[in-house]
């Protein structure tokens, strides 16, 4: 891979743009992204495989370029060892304009206005050749005139080449002048691949802050090359002890069949 990398991207979506099919996340904006990277390989080192220095800038304005909506500046430094473990440290400098009051959590509302915040993020990823691998991460910094502290783990346990479990946990603690709250998420993903053409996967997510639990299961079968059958089941439940809230929030099942025709 190249030691140097550069990129620039500009996207403009006007007020009257209608996608007809599909969707766009927002309208009436222009987005400019610039990145630069230097990643030398240390051929003489017996422990370090590669170093990476990277910087990026994202600039979001309204389509008339009269108001700055978001600005994200990020600097990354990463060390990758010969055993595929990787340490990454990132510095973030962000600006955000809120055009209206923002309800960020129950009982906590951030007033309309402009906000600057900075944070430091660190992560350590274990190489996937290990039986147990995953990524540990943590961050600390300012946030809407307050502070935010996060920690997380996204793991991978390979019982065999056909059976994989991926547990994860995310913990957020936010202290603002307008109130304090925690936002946590627990999840587990299980993937079973009986044959190269068949796979079953399930995902379970529990959010103690909103008292919700979501489960989904997905089955994929390529019954002939290029043609597939999908079956997806989802189930959302409320875990609050309040008797006035129903336990089952939503449930759905979807079936999709594709057939490849060759002429």
Protein backbone atom coordinates (compact mmCIF):
# COMPACT_ATOMS: atom_id res chain seq x y z
CA UNK A 1 0.00 0.00 0.00
CA UNK A 2 1.08 3.58 -0.66
CA UNK A 3 2.75 5.51 2.15
CA UNK A 4 0.97 8.73 1.24
CA UNK A 5 -2.72 9.35 0.72
CA UNK A 6 -4.74 12.45 -0.13
CA UNK A 7 -8.42 12.94 -0.78
CA UNK A 8 -10.93 15.71 -1.27
CA UNK A 9 -14.69 15.51 -1.76
CA UNK A 10 -17.40 18.12 -2.24
CA UNK A 11 -21.16 17.47 -2.26
CA UNK A 12 -23.87 20.06 -2.86
CA UNK A 13 -27.59 19.35 -2.38
CA UNK A 14 -29.91 22.26 -3.09
CA UNK A 15 -33.17 23.24 -1.41
CA UNK A 16 -35.34 21.87 -4.22
CA UNK A 17 -33.52 18.58 -4.75
CA UNK A 18 -35.94 15.62 -4.89
CA UNK A 19 -34.27 12.19 -4.90
CA UNK A 20 -37.47 10.52 -6.25
CA UNK A 21 -36.14 7.11 -5.24
CA UNK A 22 -34.01 6.44 -2.19
CA UNK A 23 -33.26 9.16 0.35
CA UNK A 24 -30.74 11.76 1.46
CA UNK A 25 -29.93 12.40 5.12
CA UNK A 26 -30.48 16.16 4.77
CA UNK A 27 -31.20 18.78 2.13
CA UNK A 28 -30.04 22.36 1.50
CA UNK A 29 -26.39 21.80 2.39
CA UNK A 30 -22.88 21.54 0.99
CA UNK A 31 -20.32 19.18 2.46
CA UNK A 32 -16.56 19.38 1.91
CA UNK A 33 -14.19 16.68 3.15
CA UNK A 34 -10.38 16.69 2.94
CA UNK A 35 -8.01 13.98 4.21
CA UNK A 36 -4.25 13.44 4.24
CA UNK A 37 -2.33 10.38 5.42
CA UNK A 38 1.25 9.27 5.87
CA UNK A 39 1.72 5.59 6.81
CA UNK A 40 5.31 4.32 6.61
CA UNK A 41 6.17 0.64 7.09
CA UNK A 42 9.11 0.02 9.43
CA UNK A 43 10.93 -2.75 7.59
CA UNK A 44 13.79 -2.92 10.10
CA UNK A 45 11.63 -3.05 13.22
CA UNK A 46 11.04 -6.46 14.80
CA UNK A 47 7.93 -5.32 16.69
CA UNK A 48 6.22 -2.47 14.79
CA UNK A 49 4.83 -3.13 11.32
CA UNK A 50 3.44 0.30 10.43
CA UNK A 51 2.84 3.81 11.74
CA UNK A 52 -0.03 5.99 10.53
CA UNK A 53 -0.41 9.76 10.76
CA UNK A 54 -3.71 11.05 9.43
CA UNK A 55 -5.65 14.30 9.45
CA UNK A 56 -9.15 15.06 8.22
CA UNK A 57 -11.46 18.06 7.95
CA UNK A 58 -15.20 18.01 7.29
CA UNK A 59 -16.98 21.31 6.65
CA UNK A 60 -20.80 21.44 6.39
CA UNK A 61 -22.63 24.62 5.34
CA UNK A 62 -26.06 25.47 4.02
CA UNK A 63 -26.28 25.35 0.22
CA UNK A 64 -25.87 29.15 -0.07
CA UNK A 65 -22.63 28.93 2.00
CA UNK A 66 -23.91 31.63 4.37
CA UNK A 67 -23.95 29.56 7.59
CA UNK A 68 -21.58 27.01 9.04
CA UNK A 69 -23.55 24.03 10.35
CA UNK A 70 -20.81 21.56 11.37
CA UNK A 71 -17.04 21.44 11.34
CA UNK A 72 -15.08 18.32 12.35
CA UNK A 73 -11.28 18.36 12.58
CA UNK A 74 -9.53 15.14 13.51
CA UNK A 75 -5.92 14.04 13.91
CA UNK A 76 -5.10 10.33 14.25
CA UNK A 77 -1.93 8.47 15.22
CA UNK A 78 -1.84 4.67 15.00
CA UNK A 79 0.73 1.96 15.68
CA UNK A 80 0.28 -1.52 14.21
CA UNK A 81 2.42 -4.35 15.53
CA UNK A 82 3.51 -7.47 13.65
CA UNK A 83 0.95 -9.52 15.58
CA UNK A 84 -1.79 -7.32 13.99
CA UNK A 85 -2.66 -5.54 17.25
CA UNK A 86 -3.29 -1.83 16.72
CA UNK A 87 -3.25 1.20 19.01
CA UNK A 88 -4.98 4.40 17.84
CA UNK A 89 -5.12 7.82 19.50
CA UNK A 90 -7.33 10.56 18.03
CA UNK A 91 -7.79 14.26 18.81
CA UNK A 92 -11.13 15.80 17.76
CA UNK A 93 -12.09 19.46 17.47
CA UNK A 94 -15.75 19.94 16.57
CA UNK A 95 -18.22 22.76 16.00
CA UNK A 96 -21.99 22.36 15.78
CA UNK A 97 -24.81 24.82 15.23
CA UNK A 98 -28.19 23.83 16.68
CA UNK A 99 -30.98 25.68 14.85
CA UNK A 100 -33.49 24.69 17.54
CA UNK A 101 -33.57 23.30 21.07
CA UNK A 102 -32.40 19.67 21.14
CA UNK A 103 -33.85 17.10 23.55
CA UNK A 104 -30.84 14.88 24.05
CA UNK A 105 -32.27 12.73 26.87
CA UNK A 106 -35.32 12.50 29.10
CA UNK A 107 -35.52 15.76 31.01
CA UNK A 108 -32.37 17.18 29.38
CA UNK A 109 -32.66 19.75 26.57
CA UNK A 110 -29.73 21.55 24.94
CA UNK A 111 -30.61 25.16 23.99
CA UNK A 112 -30.36 26.45 20.42
CA UNK A 113 -26.95 27.98 19.63
CA UNK A 114 -23.36 27.33 18.58
CA UNK A 115 -21.13 24.83 20.38
CA UNK A 116 -17.44 23.98 20.22
CA UNK A 117 -16.10 20.86 21.87
CA UNK A 118 -12.87 18.87 21.93
CA UNK A 119 -12.12 15.29 22.94
CA UNK A 120 -9.42 12.62 23.05
CA UNK A 121 -10.21 9.08 21.89
CA UNK A 122 -8.06 6.00 22.39
CA UNK A 123 -8.59 2.43 21.19
CA UNK A 124 -6.71 -0.85 21.19
CA UNK A 125 -7.67 -3.57 18.71
CA UNK A 126 -6.54 -7.18 19.01
CA UNK A 127 -5.67 -9.02 15.77
CA UNK A 128 -8.50 -11.19 14.43
CA UNK A 129 -6.21 -14.19 14.11
CA UNK A 130 -6.68 -14.66 17.86
CA UNK A 131 -9.41 -16.93 19.24
CA UNK A 132 -10.60 -13.95 21.30
CA UNK A 133 -10.23 -10.55 19.69
CA UNK A 134 -11.96 -7.21 19.73
CA UNK A 135 -11.50 -3.49 20.33
CA UNK A 136 -11.36 -1.59 23.62
CA UNK A 137 -12.04 2.15 23.39
CA UNK A 138 -12.43 5.17 25.66
CA UNK A 139 -12.86 8.91 25.22
CA UNK A 140 -13.08 12.06 27.31
CA UNK A 141 -13.84 15.64 26.37
CA UNK A 142 -16.13 18.64 26.34
CA UNK A 143 -19.67 18.36 25.00
CA UNK A 144 -22.41 21.03 24.74
CA UNK A 145 -20.76 23.18 27.47
CA UNK A 146 -20.35 20.08 29.63
CA UNK A 147 -18.32 16.87 29.56
CA UNK A 148 -18.76 13.42 28.08
CA UNK A 149 -16.92 10.23 29.08
CA UNK A 150 -17.32 7.02 27.10
CA UNK A 151 -15.95 3.49 27.20
CA UNK A 152 -16.71 0.50 25.07
CA UNK A 153 -15.76 -2.98 24.01
CA UNK A 154 -16.60 -4.72 20.74
CA UNK A 155 -15.46 -8.33 20.87
CA UNK A 156 -15.17 -11.41 18.71
CA UNK A 157 -15.06 -15.00 19.99
CA UNK A 158 -14.35 -17.65 17.34
CA UNK A 159 -15.47 -21.04 18.60
CA UNK A 160 -14.83 -22.42 15.10
CA UNK A 161 -14.75 -21.18 11.52
CA UNK A 162 -18.53 -21.74 11.41
CA UNK A 163 -19.57 -20.36 14.81
CA UNK A 164 -18.71 -16.80 15.94
CA UNK A 165 -20.00 -14.68 18.82
CA UNK A 166 -19.55 -10.89 18.92
CA UNK A 167 -20.43 -9.30 22.29
CA UNK A 168 -20.35 -5.55 22.80
CA UNK A 169 -20.92 -2.90 25.45
CA UNK A 170 -20.97 0.90 25.26
CA UNK A 171 -21.10 3.19 28.31
CA UNK A 172 -21.68 6.96 28.07
CA UNK A 173 -21.71 9.41 30.96
CA UNK A 174 -22.74 12.98 30.07
CA UNK A 175 -22.69 15.93 32.49
CA UNK A 176 -24.21 19.14 31.11
CA UNK A 177 -25.29 22.42 32.70
CA UNK A 178 -28.84 21.41 31.71
CA UNK A 179 -28.71 17.99 33.37
CA UNK A 180 -26.76 14.73 33.57
CA UNK A 181 -27.57 11.32 32.14
CA UNK A 182 -26.11 7.96 31.17
CA UNK A 183 -26.61 6.19 27.86
CA UNK A 184 -25.54 2.55 27.80
CA UNK A 185 -25.98 -0.26 25.29
CA UNK A 186 -25.39 -4.01 25.54
CA UNK A 187 -25.46 -6.23 22.47
CA UNK A 188 -24.54 -9.70 21.31
CA UNK A 189 -24.33 -10.99 17.75
CA UNK A 190 -24.09 -14.68 16.88
CA UNK A 191 -23.20 -15.93 13.40
CA UNK A 192 -23.50 -19.58 12.32
CA UNK A 193 -22.34 -20.66 8.85
CA UNK A 194 -23.21 -24.34 8.29
CA UNK A 195 -22.13 -24.22 4.63
CA UNK A 196 -20.52 -21.59 2.37
CA UNK A 197 -23.98 -20.89 0.90
CA UNK A 198 -25.98 -20.78 4.14
CA UNK A 199 -25.75 -18.44 7.12
CA UNK A 200 -27.86 -17.69 10.19
CA UNK A 201 -27.24 -14.62 12.34
CA UNK A 202 -28.93 -13.13 15.39
CA UNK A 203 -28.57 -9.79 17.18
CA UNK A 204 -29.76 -8.92 20.69
CA UNK A 205 -29.58 -5.31 21.96
CA UNK A 206 -30.52 -4.02 25.40
CA UNK A 207 -30.72 -0.31 26.21
CA UNK A 208 -31.19 0.18 29.98
CA UNK A 209 -31.58 3.97 29.57
CA UNK A 210 -34.70 3.67 27.41
CA UNK A 211 -35.83 0.31 28.88
CA UNK A 212 -35.94 -1.37 25.48
CA UNK A 213 -34.69 -4.68 24.13
CA UNK A 214 -34.52 -5.53 20.44
CA UNK A 215 -33.89 -8.96 18.93
CA UNK A 216 -33.49 -9.94 15.31
CA UNK A 217 -32.67 -13.11 13.41
CA UNK A 218 -31.61 -13.39 9.77
CA UNK A 219 -31.35 -16.49 7.59
CA UNK A 220 -29.65 -16.44 4.19
CA UNK A 221 -29.52 -19.35 1.73
CA UNK A 222 -28.02 -19.23 -1.74
CA UNK A 223 -30.05 -22.14 -3.11
CA UNK A 224 -28.40 -21.90 -6.54
CA UNK A 225 -25.44 -19.69 -7.53
CA UNK A 226 -26.60 -16.09 -7.77
CA UNK A 227 -30.09 -16.76 -6.34
CA UNK A 228 -30.87 -16.28 -2.65
CA UNK A 229 -33.56 -16.66 -0.01
CA UNK A 230 -33.67 -14.27 2.98
CA UNK A 231 -35.86 -14.57 6.07
CA UNK A 232 -35.63 -11.78 8.70
CA UNK A 233 -37.46 -11.65 12.04
CA UNK A 234 -37.39 -8.67 14.44
CA UNK A 235 -38.91 -8.18 17.87
CA UNK A 236 -38.89 -5.05 20.06
CA UNK A 237 -39.90 -5.11 23.71
CA UNK A 238 -40.23 -2.71 26.60
CA UNK A 239 -38.41 -3.71 29.80
CA UNK A 240 -39.84 -0.97 32.02
CA UNK A 241 -41.74 -2.25 35.08
CA UNK A 242 -44.47 0.36 34.49
CA UNK A 243 -47.74 -1.57 33.98
CA UNK A 244 -49.14 1.08 31.63
CA UNK A 245 -46.51 0.38 28.96
CA UNK A 246 -47.06 -2.71 26.76
CA UNK A 247 -44.33 -5.33 26.84
CA UNK A 248 -44.35 -5.99 23.10
CA UNK A 249 -43.59 -2.84 21.09
CA UNK A 250 -43.21 -4.24 17.57
CA UNK A 251 -42.76 -7.50 15.70
CA UNK A 252 -42.17 -8.20 12.03
CA UNK A 253 -41.09 -10.92 9.64
CA UNK A 254 -39.87 -10.41 6.09
CA UNK A 255 -39.13 -12.90 3.32
CA UNK A 256 -37.20 -12.10 0.17
CA UNK A 257 -36.39 -14.41 -2.73
CA UNK A 258 -34.13 -13.55 -5.66
CA UNK A 259 -33.64 -15.56 -8.85
CA UNK A 260 -30.81 -14.99 -11.29
CA UNK A 261 -31.82 -15.51 -14.91
CA UNK A 262 -29.16 -15.93 -17.56
CA UNK A 263 -29.90 -15.44 -21.27
